[in-house]
């Protein structure tokens, strides 16, 4: 069964929310702070959500407040 636009919008909103948390944690972890375990968990959760979104809804809309030099390796693999 194909996902409805509302389902896709809800999944995109979830990706956006988790991405914002991921970026916040990345900044803390990269500065030697705590949160590494949640950071790793979020990375896997986001990978899975993006894969599911792509299968059901097409490419997710990606946005970030971090510089491209930082995010390029995330999206490479």
N, C-alpha and C. Protein backbone atom coordinates (compact mmCIF):
# COMPACT_ATOMS: atom_id res chain seq x y z
N UNK A 1 0.83 -1.18 0.00
CA UNK A 1 0.00 0.00 0.00
C UNK A 1 0.88 1.25 0.00
N UNK A 2 0.59 2.16 -0.87
CA UNK A 2 1.38 3.39 -0.97
C UNK A 2 1.10 4.30 0.21
N UNK A 3 2.13 4.99 0.61
CA UNK A 3 1.97 5.94 1.71
C UNK A 3 1.21 7.16 1.23
N UNK A 4 0.41 7.73 2.10
CA UNK A 4 -0.30 8.96 1.75
C UNK A 4 0.63 10.14 1.97
N UNK A 5 0.24 11.28 1.42
CA UNK A 5 1.05 12.48 1.60
C UNK A 5 1.19 12.81 3.08
N UNK A 6 0.11 12.62 3.85
CA UNK A 6 0.17 12.89 5.28
C UNK A 6 1.18 11.99 5.97
N UNK A 7 1.21 10.70 5.59
CA UNK A 7 2.18 9.77 6.17
C UNK A 7 3.61 10.22 5.83
N UNK A 8 3.81 10.63 4.61
CA UNK A 8 5.14 11.08 4.18
C UNK A 8 5.53 12.37 4.90
N UNK A 9 4.57 13.27 5.05
CA UNK A 9 4.86 14.52 5.75
C UNK A 9 5.21 14.24 7.21
N UNK A 10 4.51 13.31 7.84
CA UNK A 10 4.79 12.97 9.23
C UNK A 10 6.18 12.34 9.36
N UNK A 11 6.53 11.47 8.41
CA UNK A 11 7.84 10.84 8.44
C UNK A 11 8.94 11.89 8.20
N UNK A 12 8.70 12.84 7.29
CA UNK A 12 9.67 13.90 7.04
C UNK A 12 9.84 14.76 8.28
N UNK A 13 8.75 15.06 8.97
CA UNK A 13 8.83 15.85 10.20
C UNK A 13 9.65 15.11 11.26
N UNK A 14 9.48 13.80 11.35
CA UNK A 14 10.25 13.00 12.29
C UNK A 14 11.73 13.04 11.93
N UNK A 15 12.05 12.92 10.66
CA UNK A 15 13.44 12.99 10.20
C UNK A 15 14.03 14.36 10.56
N UNK A 16 13.28 15.42 10.30
CA UNK A 16 13.77 16.78 10.59
C UNK A 16 14.05 16.97 12.08
N UNK A 17 13.14 16.47 12.93
CA UNK A 17 13.30 16.60 14.37
C UNK A 17 14.53 15.84 14.86
N UNK A 18 14.67 14.61 14.39
CA UNK A 18 15.82 13.80 14.80
C UNK A 18 17.12 14.37 14.24
N UNK A 19 17.07 14.93 13.03
CA UNK A 19 18.26 15.55 12.44
C UNK A 19 18.73 16.72 13.28
N UNK A 20 17.79 17.53 13.76
CA UNK A 20 18.16 18.68 14.61
C UNK A 20 18.82 18.19 15.91
N UNK A 21 18.27 17.14 16.50
CA UNK A 21 18.87 16.57 17.71
C UNK A 21 20.25 16.02 17.40
N UNK A 22 20.38 15.33 16.27
CA UNK A 22 21.66 14.75 15.85
C UNK A 22 22.72 15.84 15.70
N UNK A 23 22.36 16.95 15.05
CA UNK A 23 23.31 18.03 14.84
C UNK A 23 23.74 18.66 16.16
N UNK A 24 22.80 18.83 17.07
CA UNK A 24 23.12 19.38 18.38
C UNK A 24 24.09 18.47 19.13
N UNK A 25 23.82 17.19 19.08
CA UNK A 25 24.71 16.23 19.73
C UNK A 25 26.07 16.17 19.04
N UNK A 26 26.08 16.28 17.72
CA UNK A 26 27.35 16.24 16.99
C UNK A 26 28.27 17.35 17.48
N UNK A 27 27.70 18.53 17.66
CA UNK A 27 28.50 19.67 18.13
C UNK A 27 29.07 19.37 19.51
N UNK A 28 28.25 18.85 20.42
CA UNK A 28 28.72 18.52 21.77
C UNK A 28 29.79 17.43 21.75
N UNK A 29 29.53 16.37 21.00
CA UNK A 29 30.46 15.25 20.94
C UNK A 29 31.78 15.68 20.30
N UNK A 30 31.71 16.47 19.24
CA UNK A 30 32.94 16.90 18.56
C UNK A 30 33.79 17.81 19.43
N UNK A 31 33.17 18.42 20.44
CA UNK A 31 33.92 19.27 21.37
C UNK A 31 34.33 18.51 22.62
N UNK A 32 34.16 17.19 22.59
CA UNK A 32 34.58 16.36 23.71
C UNK A 32 33.52 16.18 24.78
N UNK A 33 32.31 16.57 24.49
CA UNK A 33 31.23 16.45 25.46
C UNK A 33 30.60 15.07 25.47
N UNK A 34 29.59 14.93 26.30
CA UNK A 34 28.88 13.67 26.43
C UNK A 34 27.80 13.55 25.36
N UNK A 35 27.26 12.36 25.22
CA UNK A 35 26.17 12.13 24.28
C UNK A 35 26.54 11.23 23.13
N UNK A 36 27.71 10.63 23.19
CA UNK A 36 28.17 9.80 22.08
C UNK A 36 27.29 8.61 21.77
N UNK A 37 26.74 7.98 22.80
CA UNK A 37 25.90 6.81 22.56
C UNK A 37 24.61 7.21 21.84
N UNK A 38 23.97 8.27 22.31
CA UNK A 38 22.74 8.74 21.66
C UNK A 38 23.05 9.21 20.24
N UNK A 39 24.19 9.85 20.05
CA UNK A 39 24.62 10.30 18.72
C UNK A 39 24.69 9.12 17.75
N UNK A 40 25.32 8.04 18.18
CA UNK A 40 25.44 6.85 17.32
C UNK A 40 24.07 6.23 17.07
N UNK A 41 23.25 6.17 18.10
CA UNK A 41 21.90 5.64 17.93
C UNK A 41 21.11 6.46 16.92
N UNK A 42 21.19 7.78 17.06
CA UNK A 42 20.45 8.65 16.14
C UNK A 42 20.92 8.48 14.70
N UNK A 43 22.20 8.31 14.51
CA UNK A 43 22.72 8.13 13.16
C UNK A 43 22.09 6.90 12.50
N UNK A 44 22.00 5.80 13.25
CA UNK A 44 21.39 4.58 12.71
C UNK A 44 19.89 4.75 12.50
N UNK A 45 19.23 5.39 13.45
CA UNK A 45 17.79 5.64 13.33
C UNK A 45 17.51 6.49 12.09
N UNK A 46 18.28 7.55 11.91
CA UNK A 46 18.09 8.42 10.75
C UNK A 46 18.37 7.67 9.44
N UNK A 47 19.41 6.86 9.41
CA UNK A 47 19.69 6.07 8.20
C UNK A 47 18.49 5.19 7.85
N UNK A 48 17.94 4.52 8.86
CA UNK A 48 16.79 3.64 8.63
C UNK A 48 15.56 4.43 8.18
N UNK A 49 15.30 5.55 8.84
CA UNK A 49 14.14 6.37 8.46
C UNK A 49 14.28 6.92 7.05
N UNK A 50 15.46 7.36 6.69
CA UNK A 50 15.68 7.88 5.33
C UNK A 50 15.49 6.78 4.29
N UNK A 51 15.98 5.59 4.60
CA UNK A 51 15.83 4.46 3.68
C UNK A 51 14.33 4.13 3.50
N UNK A 52 13.60 4.08 4.61
CA UNK A 52 12.17 3.81 4.55
C UNK A 52 11.43 4.92 3.80
N UNK A 53 11.80 6.16 4.07
CA UNK A 53 11.16 7.29 3.40
C UNK A 53 11.39 7.19 1.89
N UNK A 54 12.62 6.90 1.51
CA UNK A 54 12.95 6.81 0.08
C UNK A 54 12.14 5.72 -0.61
N UNK A 55 11.96 4.59 0.05
CA UNK A 55 11.19 3.49 -0.52
C UNK A 55 9.71 3.84 -0.67
N UNK A 56 9.17 4.56 0.29
CA UNK A 56 7.73 4.82 0.32
C UNK A 56 7.33 6.16 -0.27
N UNK A 57 8.22 7.15 -0.19
CA UNK A 57 7.81 8.52 -0.52
C UNK A 57 8.73 9.22 -1.51
N UNK A 58 9.88 8.65 -1.82
CA UNK A 58 10.86 9.33 -2.66
C UNK A 58 11.98 9.88 -1.79
N UNK A 59 12.82 10.69 -2.37
CA UNK A 59 13.96 11.25 -1.64
C UNK A 59 13.47 12.20 -0.54
N UNK A 60 14.01 12.06 0.68
CA UNK A 60 13.65 13.01 1.74
C UNK A 60 14.27 14.37 1.47
N UNK A 61 13.60 15.39 1.94
CA UNK A 61 14.16 16.75 1.85
C UNK A 61 15.17 16.89 2.97
N UNK A 62 16.39 17.17 2.61
CA UNK A 62 17.45 17.29 3.60
C UNK A 62 17.74 18.75 3.89
N UNK A 63 17.85 19.06 5.15
CA UNK A 63 18.26 20.40 5.53
C UNK A 63 19.16 20.28 6.76
N UNK A 64 20.06 21.20 6.90
CA UNK A 64 20.98 21.19 8.02
C UNK A 64 21.47 22.61 8.27
N UNK A 65 21.87 22.84 9.49
CA UNK A 65 22.48 24.12 9.83
C UNK A 65 23.99 24.00 9.87
N UNK A 66 24.49 22.78 9.67
CA UNK A 66 25.94 22.55 9.70
C UNK A 66 26.55 22.79 8.33
N UNK A 67 27.82 23.15 8.29
CA UNK A 67 28.50 23.36 7.00
C UNK A 67 28.55 22.08 6.17
N UNK A 68 28.51 22.23 4.86
CA UNK A 68 28.54 21.08 3.95
C UNK A 68 29.80 20.23 4.15
N UNK A 69 30.92 20.86 4.51
CA UNK A 69 32.16 20.12 4.72
C UNK A 69 32.00 19.09 5.83
N UNK A 70 31.09 19.33 6.76
CA UNK A 70 30.86 18.41 7.85
C UNK A 70 29.88 17.32 7.43
N UNK A 71 28.84 17.68 6.72
CA UNK A 71 27.79 16.73 6.39
C UNK A 71 28.09 15.88 5.18
N UNK A 72 29.07 16.24 4.37
CA UNK A 72 29.36 15.50 3.15
C UNK A 72 29.66 14.04 3.44
N UNK A 73 30.46 13.76 4.49
CA UNK A 73 30.81 12.38 4.79
C UNK A 73 29.62 11.61 5.37
N UNK A 74 28.66 12.27 6.01
CA UNK A 74 27.47 11.60 6.52
C UNK A 74 26.65 11.04 5.37
N UNK A 75 26.54 11.81 4.31
CA UNK A 75 25.67 11.45 3.20
C UNK A 75 26.37 10.51 2.22
N UNK A 76 27.67 10.40 2.33
CA UNK A 76 28.42 9.54 1.42
C UNK A 76 28.22 8.07 1.74
N UNK A 77 27.89 7.76 2.95
CA UNK A 77 27.78 6.34 3.26
C UNK A 77 27.22 6.15 4.56
